[in-house]
Amino acid sequence: MIINLSEQHSLVSNWISELRDLDVQNDRMRFRRNLERIGEVAAYEISKILPSTDKEVQTSLGIANAKVLQEQPVLATILRAGLPLHQGLLNYFDKADNAFISAYRKHNKDGTFEISLDYISCPELENRTIIISDPMLATGASLVKTIAFLRAEGHPKEIHIVAAIACSVGIEYVIRNEPSVTIWCGDIDDEITAKGYIVPGLGDAGDLAFGVKVQM
């Protein structure tokens, strides 16, 4: 299942337009905050479909009945670009366990690249709901390898992917390899360059959030 949040929330569409805007991109704090906001909206929408349970809460004047999450999800993110989006999810799922994965494009001299994964830190994943945040779902290769990386640590019950912008090519690749995942994205673009960048996209989310990195 694929959910385009811009079709449901005009505020998400507004934040996406600011993420794309070259003038607004000069403000790194606003760029990070807009990613964080999208993560918050995604968390709210995902919470609607997670199992809940009834709980009695003792107040100073009596008993209140409330619905609470049956269990906490695991919030996973791909370093470093995913951190602001991850923070937005964590703002709402504030009791969640967290997982961190190092995945990056290792560029070759001919302009091609490979996805390198060399680090994971995670809690118990067996029969858990995992929400993976990555601001740009471009080719989908890094997400598919990340999911395989996580599956090697346990057998999750359910996997959700949250992205600010997704490319239809990458969505198709992820669904082809992981047909049971649900993808939540701020917007969907249809074009991708030979170097794997989304068009119109917004550029390199990690560089815009944290500064230009040295290419390895």
Foldseek 3Di string as FASTA:
>chain_A
DEAACVVVDVVLVVLLVLLQDPVSLVPLVSNLQSLLQLLQVVLVVVVVPADWDWDWDQDPVGIDIDIDGPDQAEEEEEPDLQVSSSNSNCVPSVVHHYKYWHWDWQADPVLETDIDTDDMDGDQAAQGEYEYEDAEQWQLVRVLVVVVVVVVRYNYNAYEYEYAEYEPNSVVVCCVSVVRYYYYYNYYAHDADPSGHGVVHRPDSCCSNPNDDDRD
